[in-house]
Amino acid sequence: MARVSAKKPSTGSAFVGEAAEHRKLLSELGDSQVVQRSLDGDSRAFGELVARYDQRLLNFVYRTIGDRERAQDLVQETFVRVYRHLQRFDQSKKFSTWIYTIASNLAKNELRNRSRNPLVLFQTIKKNWDADHRPLEWEDTAYKPDDLFRKRHLREKVEEAVTHLPEHHRIVFVLRELEGKTYEEIAEITGCNLGTVKSRLNRARNNFATIIAPMID
């Protein structure tokens, strides 16, 4: 009787399986651990950081400057800077705060550059804000069509009002009300003390209420 030998998996299949297993391992690590893996020469580790923060940073920067294509450029620049200076990251701190700080600084520079040119106006923020990143719920299938229309109209007005906030107010407003960051995280990201953050946020909220009031009368 002929002996049947077990078929060995191809080299390509083994590589794919190994890569999938490695991605799974990285996905189970904390940010600081992934950073260390990248510093230790793991070529896939930085890609894991990009996967974790790419969309989140895009949402944040886009909401801040109101220009999707430019936001994508700034997020790419954020990752370039992170990669170049990864060895400087203090692993006793939160990686999310560090990367948001870099993105925030780039967004602020963008707004300042625009403000120097009177021909450049802030674009209305048109992205639908994700419910899990903010306290406001815009969509609900339980609502009737007329209710949904009114909610969408209100959302558009909120988005428009945000674009009229001064830069230093807009940053803290977006981080707190739309990104759900804590006061402590906002303080680290913006380089301000807690008192300044709370003061700016309070003024931003009052300013926002004044701006949006005539829009929804």
C-alpha atoms as a PDB file:
ATOM      1  CA  MET A   1       0.000   0.000   0.000  1.00  0.00           C
ATOM      2  CA  ALA A   2       1.388   3.376  -0.985  1.00  0.00           C
ATOM      3  CA  ARG A   3       2.387   5.627   1.849  1.00  0.00           C
ATOM      4  CA  VAL A   4       0.737   9.028   1.791  1.00  0.00           C
ATOM      5  CA  SER A   5       2.855  11.832   3.147  1.00  0.00           C
ATOM      6  CA  ALA A   6       1.353  14.959   4.678  1.00  0.00           C
ATOM      7  CA  LYS A   7       1.520  17.978   2.410  1.00  0.00           C
ATOM      8  CA  LYS A   8       3.649  20.728   3.835  1.00  0.00           C
ATOM      9  CA  PRO A   9       2.229  24.256   3.756  1.00  0.00           C
ATOM     10  CA  SER A  10       3.780  26.533   1.171  1.00  0.00           C
ATOM     11  CA  THR A  11       6.281  29.140   2.240  1.00  0.00           C
ATOM     12  CA  GLY A  12       3.838  31.862   1.199  1.00  0.00           C
ATOM     13  CA  SER A  13       1.026  30.467   3.346  1.00  0.00           C
ATOM     14  CA  ALA A  14       3.337  30.153   6.322  1.00  0.00           C
ATOM     15  CA  PHE A  15       4.424  33.781   5.896  1.00  0.00           C
ATOM     16  CA  VAL A  16       0.815  35.000   5.751  1.00  0.00           C
ATOM     17  CA  GLY A  17      -0.039  33.023   8.856  1.00  0.00           C
ATOM     18  CA  GLU A  18       2.983  34.354  10.691  1.00  0.00           C
ATOM     19  CA  ALA A  19       2.122  37.928   9.718  1.00  0.00           C
ATOM     20  CA  ALA A  20      -1.462  37.543  10.925  1.00  0.00           C
ATOM     21  CA  GLU A  21      -0.275  36.098  14.221  1.00  0.00           C
ATOM     22  CA  HIS A  22       2.175  38.957  14.634  1.00  0.00           C
ATOM     23  CA  ARG A  23      -0.529  41.570  13.977  1.00  0.00           C
ATOM     24  CA  LYS A  24      -2.731  39.882  16.564  1.00  0.00           C
ATOM     25  CA  LEU A  25       0.097  39.994  19.100  1.00  0.00           C
ATOM     26  CA  LEU A  26       0.687  43.696  18.482  1.00  0.00           C
ATOM     27  CA  SER A  27      -3.026  44.483  18.734  1.00  0.00           C
ATOM     28  CA  GLU A  28      -3.075  43.042  22.261  1.00  0.00           C
ATOM     29  CA  LEU A  29      -0.238  45.280  23.497  1.00  0.00           C
ATOM     30  CA  GLY A  30      -0.565  48.718  25.060  1.00  0.00           C
ATOM     31  CA  ASP A  31       0.651  51.786  23.189  1.00  0.00           C
ATOM     32  CA  SER A  32       3.902  52.066  25.144  1.00  0.00           C
ATOM     33  CA  GLN A  33       4.687  48.411  24.520  1.00  0.00           C
ATOM     34  CA  VAL A  34       4.107  48.850  20.796  1.00  0.00           C
ATOM     35  CA  VAL A  35       6.359  51.913  20.838  1.00  0.00           C
ATOM     36  CA  GLN A  36       9.090  49.859  22.496  1.00  0.00           C
ATOM     37  CA  ARG A  37       8.674  47.095  19.926  1.00  0.00           C
ATOM     38  CA  SER A  38       9.124  49.682  17.180  1.00  0.00           C
ATOM     39  CA  LEU A  39      12.236  51.095  18.852  1.00  0.00           C
ATOM     40  CA  ASP A  40      13.573  47.549  19.157  1.00  0.00           C
ATOM     41  CA  GLY A  41      13.337  47.094  15.388  1.00  0.00           C
ATOM     42  CA  ASP A  42       9.922  45.490  14.904  1.00  0.00           C
ATOM     43  CA  SER A  43       9.064  46.720  11.393  1.00  0.00           C
ATOM     44  CA  ARG A  44       5.315  46.163  11.855  1.00  0.00           C
ATOM     45  CA  ALA A  45       4.950  47.916  15.205  1.00  0.00           C
ATOM     46  CA  PHE A  46       4.769  51.452  13.864  1.00  0.00           C
ATOM     47  CA  GLY A  47       2.067  50.369  11.430  1.00  0.00           C
ATOM     48  CA  GLU A  48       0.042  49.255  14.446  1.00  0.00           C
ATOM     49  CA  LEU A  49       0.316  52.756  15.923  1.00  0.00           C
ATOM     50  CA  VAL A  50      -0.805  54.260  12.617  1.00  0.00           C
ATOM     51  CA  ALA A  51      -3.784  51.903  12.488  1.00  0.00           C
ATOM     52  CA  ARG A  52      -4.804  52.898  16.009  1.00  0.00           C
ATOM     53  CA  TYR A  53      -4.607  56.652  15.574  1.00  0.00           C
ATOM     54  CA  ASP A  54      -4.998  57.492  11.887  1.00  0.00           C
ATOM     55  CA  GLN A  55      -8.782  57.909  11.830  1.00  0.00           C
ATOM     56  CA  ARG A  56      -8.970  59.441  15.299  1.00  0.00           C
ATOM     57  CA  LEU A  57      -6.408  62.117  14.418  1.00  0.00           C
ATOM     58  CA  LEU A  58      -8.089  62.762  11.075  1.00  0.00           C
ATOM     59  CA  ASN A  59     -11.403  63.389  12.851  1.00  0.00           C
ATOM     60  CA  PHE A  60      -9.736  65.744  15.332  1.00  0.00           C
ATOM     61  CA  VAL A  61      -7.736  67.766  12.795  1.00  0.00           C
ATOM     62  CA  TYR A  62     -10.605  67.920  10.306  1.00  0.00           C
ATOM     63  CA  ARG A  63     -12.999  69.191  12.954  1.00  0.00           C
ATOM     64  CA  THR A  64     -10.437  71.822  13.897  1.00  0.00           C
ATOM     65  CA  ILE A  65      -9.485  73.202  10.474  1.00  0.00           C
ATOM     66  CA  GLY A  66     -12.514  72.214   8.355  1.00  0.00           C
ATOM     67  CA  ASP A  67     -10.538  70.980   5.341  1.00  0.00           C
ATOM     68  CA  ARG A  68     -10.412  67.208   4.808  1.00  0.00           C
ATOM     69  CA  GLU A  69      -7.583  67.080   2.263  1.00  0.00           C
ATOM     70  CA  ARG A  70      -5.406  69.410   4.322  1.00  0.00           C
ATOM     71  CA  ALA A  71      -6.281  67.426   7.459  1.00  0.00           C
ATOM     72  CA  GLN A  72      -5.031  64.250   5.775  1.00  0.00           C
ATOM     73  CA  ASP A  73      -1.759  66.023   4.966  1.00  0.00           C
ATOM     74  CA  LEU A  74      -1.364  67.179   8.556  1.00  0.00           C
ATOM     75  CA  VAL A  75      -2.088  63.720   9.953  1.00  0.00           C
ATOM     76  CA  GLN A  76       0.551  62.272   7.624  1.00  0.00           C
ATOM     77  CA  GLU A  77       2.987  64.932   8.843  1.00  0.00           C
ATOM     78  CA  THR A  78       2.072  64.010  12.423  1.00  0.00           C
ATOM     79  CA  PHE A  79       3.087  60.398  11.853  1.00  0.00           C
ATOM     80  CA  VAL A  80       6.296  61.479  10.114  1.00  0.00           C
ATOM     81  CA  ARG A  81       7.247  63.527  13.164  1.00  0.00           C
ATOM     82  CA  VAL A  82       6.281  60.752  15.540  1.00  0.00           C
ATOM     83  CA  TYR A  83       8.432  58.280  13.610  1.00  0.00           C
ATOM     84  CA  ARG A  84      11.422  60.625  13.536  1.00  0.00           C
ATOM     85  CA  HIS A  85      11.246  61.441  17.237  1.00  0.00           C
ATOM     86  CA  LEU A  86       9.870  58.201  18.660  1.00  0.00           C
ATOM     87  CA  GLN A  87      12.970  57.726  20.799  1.00  0.00           C
ATOM     88  CA  ARG A  88      12.107  60.974  22.604  1.00  0.00           C
ATOM     89  CA  PHE A  89       8.731  59.720  23.777  1.00  0.00           C
ATOM     90  CA  ASP A  90       8.593  59.400  27.559  1.00  0.00           C
ATOM     91  CA  GLN A  91       6.998  55.994  28.049  1.00  0.00           C
ATOM     92  CA  SER A  92       5.838  56.944  31.535  1.00  0.00           C
ATOM     93  CA  LYS A  93       3.375  59.275  29.780  1.00  0.00           C
ATOM     94  CA  LYS A  94       0.352  58.478  27.603  1.00  0.00           C
ATOM     95  CA  PHE A  95       1.234  58.016  23.935  1.00  0.00           C
ATOM     96  CA  SER A  96      -2.204  59.319  22.923  1.00  0.00           C
ATOM     97  CA  THR A  97      -1.520  62.640  24.639  1.00  0.00           C
ATOM     98  CA  TRP A  98       1.854  62.971  22.924  1.00  0.00           C
ATOM     99  CA  ILE A  99       0.552  62.281  19.430  1.00  0.00           C
ATOM    100  CA  TYR A 100      -2.486  64.530  19.921  1.00  0.00           C
ATOM    101  CA  THR A 101      -0.136  67.308  21.046  1.00  0.00           C
ATOM    102  CA  ILE A 102       1.819  67.047  17.802  1.00  0.00           C
ATOM    103  CA  ALA A 103      -1.368  67.025  15.714  1.00  0.00           C
ATOM    104  CA  SER A 104      -2.798  69.929  17.701  1.00  0.00           C
ATOM    105  CA  ASN A 105       0.307  72.052  17.133  1.00  0.00           C
ATOM    106  CA  LEU A 106       0.173  71.378  13.395  1.00  0.00           C
ATOM    107  CA  ALA A 107      -3.526  72.283  13.308  1.00  0.00           C
ATOM    108  CA  LYS A 108      -2.874  75.523  15.212  1.00  0.00           C
ATOM    109  CA  ASN A 109      -0.088  76.452  12.807  1.00  0.00           C
ATOM    110  CA  GLU A 110      -2.459  75.821   9.904  1.00  0.00           C
ATOM    111  CA  LEU A 111      -5.082  78.144  11.391  1.00  0.00           C
ATOM    112  CA  ARG A 112      -2.480  80.829  12.060  1.00  0.00           C
ATOM    113  CA  ASN A 113      -1.178  80.625   8.507  1.00  0.00           C
ATOM    114  CA  ARG A 114      -4.719  80.996   7.192  1.00  0.00           C
ATOM    115  CA  SER A 115      -5.441  83.970   9.438  1.00  0.00           C
ATOM    116  CA  ARG A 116      -2.559  85.858   7.819  1.00  0.00           C
ATOM    117  CA  ASN A 117      -4.334  85.636   4.467  1.00  0.00           C
ATOM    118  CA  PRO A 118      -7.665  87.549   4.466  1.00  0.00           C
ATOM    119  CA  LEU A 119      -8.732  85.750   1.274  1.00  0.00           C
ATOM    120  CA  VAL A 120      -8.760  82.379   3.040  1.00  0.00           C
ATOM    121  CA  LEU A 121     -11.901  81.634   5.032  1.00  0.00           C
ATOM    122  CA  PHE A 122     -12.525  78.716   7.307  1.00  0.00           C
ATOM    123  CA  GLN A 123     -14.532  76.032   5.576  1.00  0.00           C
ATOM    124  CA  THR A 124     -17.670  74.728   7.229  1.00  0.00           C
ATOM    125  CA  ILE A 125     -17.019  71.440   8.963  1.00  0.00           C
ATOM    126  CA  LYS A 126     -19.201  68.911   7.131  1.00  0.00           C
ATOM    127  CA  LYS A 127     -18.125  65.638   8.629  1.00  0.00           C
ATOM    128  CA  ASN A 128     -20.723  63.741  10.656  1.00  0.00           C
ATOM    129  CA  TRP A 129     -19.364  63.577  14.175  1.00  0.00           C
ATOM    130  CA  ASP A 130     -19.163  60.052  15.551  1.00  0.00           C
ATOM    131  CA  ALA A 131     -21.505  59.532  18.473  1.00  0.00           C
ATOM    132  CA  ASP A 132     -18.933  57.598  20.477  1.00  0.00           C
ATOM    133  CA  HIS A 133     -16.531  60.579  20.418  1.00  0.00           C
ATOM    134  CA  ARG A 134     -18.962  63.162  21.770  1.00  0.00           C
ATOM    135  CA  PRO A 135     -21.998  63.501  24.036  1.00  0.00           C
ATOM    136  CA  LEU A 136     -24.417  64.593  21.290  1.00  0.00           C
ATOM    137  CA  GLU A 137     -26.435  61.950  19.436  1.00  0.00           C
ATOM    138  CA  TRP A 138     -27.430  63.125  15.964  1.00  0.00           C
ATOM    139  CA  GLU A 139     -28.944  59.975  14.472  1.00  0.00           C
ATOM    140  CA  ASP A 140     -31.584  57.724  16.002  1.00  0.00           C
ATOM    141  CA  THR A 141     -33.727  55.330  13.972  1.00  0.00           C
ATOM    142  CA  ALA A 142     -36.491  55.677  16.573  1.00  0.00           C
ATOM    143  CA  TYR A 143     -37.055  59.275  15.493  1.00  0.00           C
ATOM    144  CA  LYS A 144     -39.619  60.202  12.862  1.00  0.00           C
ATOM    145  CA  PRO A 145     -38.343  61.657   9.545  1.00  0.00           C
ATOM    146  CA  ASP A 146     -39.276  65.219  10.580  1.00  0.00           C
ATOM    147  CA  ASP A 147     -37.352  64.824  13.847  1.00  0.00           C
ATOM    148  CA  LEU A 148     -34.301  63.522  12.009  1.00  0.00           C
ATOM    149  CA  PHE A 149     -34.462  66.453   9.597  1.00  0.00           C
ATOM    150  CA  ARG A 150     -34.493  68.925  12.486  1.00  0.00           C
ATOM    151  CA  LYS A 151     -31.600  67.130  14.180  1.00  0.00           C
ATOM    152  CA  ARG A 152     -29.538  67.166  10.993  1.00  0.00           C
ATOM    153  CA  HIS A 153     -30.296  70.854  10.525  1.00  0.00           C
ATOM    154  CA  LEU A 154     -29.160  71.529  14.100  1.00  0.00           C
ATOM    155  CA  ARG A 155     -25.984  69.522  13.539  1.00  0.00           C
ATOM    156  CA  GLU A 156     -25.128  71.650  10.506  1.00  0.00           C
ATOM    157  CA  LYS A 157     -25.570  74.790  12.588  1.00  0.00           C
ATOM    158  CA  VAL A 158     -23.379  73.381  15.360  1.00  0.00           C
ATOM    159  CA  GLU A 159     -20.665  72.556  12.835  1.00  0.00           C
ATOM    160  CA  GLU A 160     -20.882  76.063  11.392  1.00  0.00           C
ATOM    161  CA  ALA A 161     -20.752  77.704  14.818  1.00  0.00           C
ATOM    162  CA  VAL A 162     -17.587  75.780  15.743  1.00  0.00           C
ATOM    163  CA  THR A 163     -15.753  77.304  12.770  1.00  0.00           C
ATOM    164  CA  HIS A 164     -16.356  80.803  14.193  1.00  0.00           C
ATOM    165  CA  LEU A 165     -14.685  80.127  17.535  1.00  0.00           C
ATOM    166  CA  PRO A 166     -11.240  81.732  18.040  1.00  0.00           C
ATOM    167  CA  GLU A 167      -8.339  79.307  17.589  1.00  0.00           C
ATOM    168  CA  HIS A 168      -7.486  78.847  21.290  1.00  0.00           C
ATOM    169  CA  HIS A 169     -11.165  78.346  22.125  1.00  0.00           C
ATOM    170  CA  ARG A 170     -11.820  76.024  19.216  1.00  0.00           C
ATOM    171  CA  ILE A 171      -8.991  73.667  20.158  1.00  0.00           C
ATOM    172  CA  VAL A 172     -10.196  73.108  23.736  1.00  0.00           C
ATOM    173  CA  PHE A 173     -13.843  72.967  22.629  1.00  0.00           C
ATOM    174  CA  VAL A 174     -13.162  70.284  20.016  1.00  0.00           C
ATOM    175  CA  LEU A 175     -10.936  68.270  22.362  1.00  0.00           C
ATOM    176  CA  ARG A 176     -13.459  68.327  25.206  1.00  0.00           C
ATOM    177  CA  GLU A 177     -16.895  68.376  23.584  1.00  0.00           C
ATOM    178  CA  LEU A 178     -16.182  66.381  20.419  1.00  0.00           C
ATOM    179  CA  GLU A 179     -13.171  64.198  21.267  1.00  0.00           C
ATOM    180  CA  GLY A 180     -14.171  63.579  24.890  1.00  0.00           C
ATOM    181  CA  LYS A 181     -10.708  64.324  26.298  1.00  0.00           C
ATOM    182  CA  THR A 182     -10.308  64.947  30.049  1.00  0.00           C
ATOM    183  CA  TYR A 183      -9.212  68.343  31.360  1.00  0.00           C
ATOM    184  CA  GLU A 184      -5.856  66.832  32.283  1.00  0.00           C
ATOM    185  CA  GLU A 185      -5.322  65.460  28.774  1.00  0.00           C
ATOM    186  CA  ILE A 186      -6.284  68.794  27.221  1.00  0.00           C
ATOM    187  CA  ALA A 187      -3.819  70.558  29.506  1.00  0.00           C
ATOM    188  CA  GLU A 188      -1.006  68.271  28.325  1.00  0.00           C
ATOM    189  CA  ILE A 189      -1.985  68.524  24.668  1.00  0.00           C
ATOM    190  CA  THR A 190      -2.244  72.318  24.641  1.00  0.00           C
ATOM    191  CA  GLY A 191       0.577  73.002  27.106  1.00  0.00           C
ATOM    192  CA  CYS A 192      -1.742  75.000  29.375  1.00  0.00           C
ATOM    193  CA  ASN A 193      -2.453  74.560  33.068  1.00  0.00           C
ATOM    194  CA  LEU A 194      -5.803  73.194  34.251  1.00  0.00           C
ATOM    195  CA  GLY A 195      -7.069  76.622  35.269  1.00  0.00           C
ATOM    196  CA  THR A 196      -6.421  78.020  31.799  1.00  0.00           C
ATOM    197  CA  VAL A 197      -8.057  75.010  30.135  1.00  0.00           C
ATOM    198  CA  LYS A 198     -11.201  75.343  32.241  1.00  0.00           C
ATOM    199  CA  SER A 199     -11.309  79.094  31.710  1.00  0.00           C
ATOM    200  CA  ARG A 200     -10.907  78.775  27.944  1.00  0.00           C
ATOM    201  CA  LEU A 201     -13.464  75.995  27.763  1.00  0.00           C
ATOM    202  CA  ASN A 202     -15.966  78.034  29.753  1.00  0.00           C
ATOM    203  CA  ARG A 203     -15.453  81.022  27.439  1.00  0.00           C
ATOM    204  CA  ALA A 204     -15.613  78.746  24.396  1.00  0.00           C
ATOM    205  CA  ARG A 205     -18.951  77.321  25.539  1.00  0.00           C
ATOM    206  CA  ASN A 206     -20.366  80.800  26.183  1.00  0.00           C
ATOM    207  CA  ASN A 207     -19.024  82.030  22.858  1.00  0.00           C
ATOM    208  CA  PHE A 208     -20.431  78.997  21.092  1.00  0.00           C
ATOM    209  CA  ALA A 209     -23.864  79.550  22.688  1.00  0.00           C
ATOM    210  CA  THR A 210     -23.845  83.196  21.570  1.00  0.00           C
ATOM    211  CA  ILE A 211     -22.858  82.269  18.013  1.00  0.00           C
ATOM    212  CA  ILE A 212     -25.384  79.476  17.571  1.00  0.00           C
ATOM    213  CA  ALA A 213     -28.367  81.173  19.264  1.00  0.00           C
ATOM    214  CA  PRO A 214     -29.426  83.317  16.250  1.00  0.00           C
ATOM    215  CA  MET A 215     -28.802  80.391  13.908  1.00  0.00           C
ATOM    216  CA  ILE A 216     -31.470  78.221  15.525  1.00  0.00           C
ATOM    217  CA  ASP A 217     -34.080  80.868  16.350  1.00  0.00           C
END
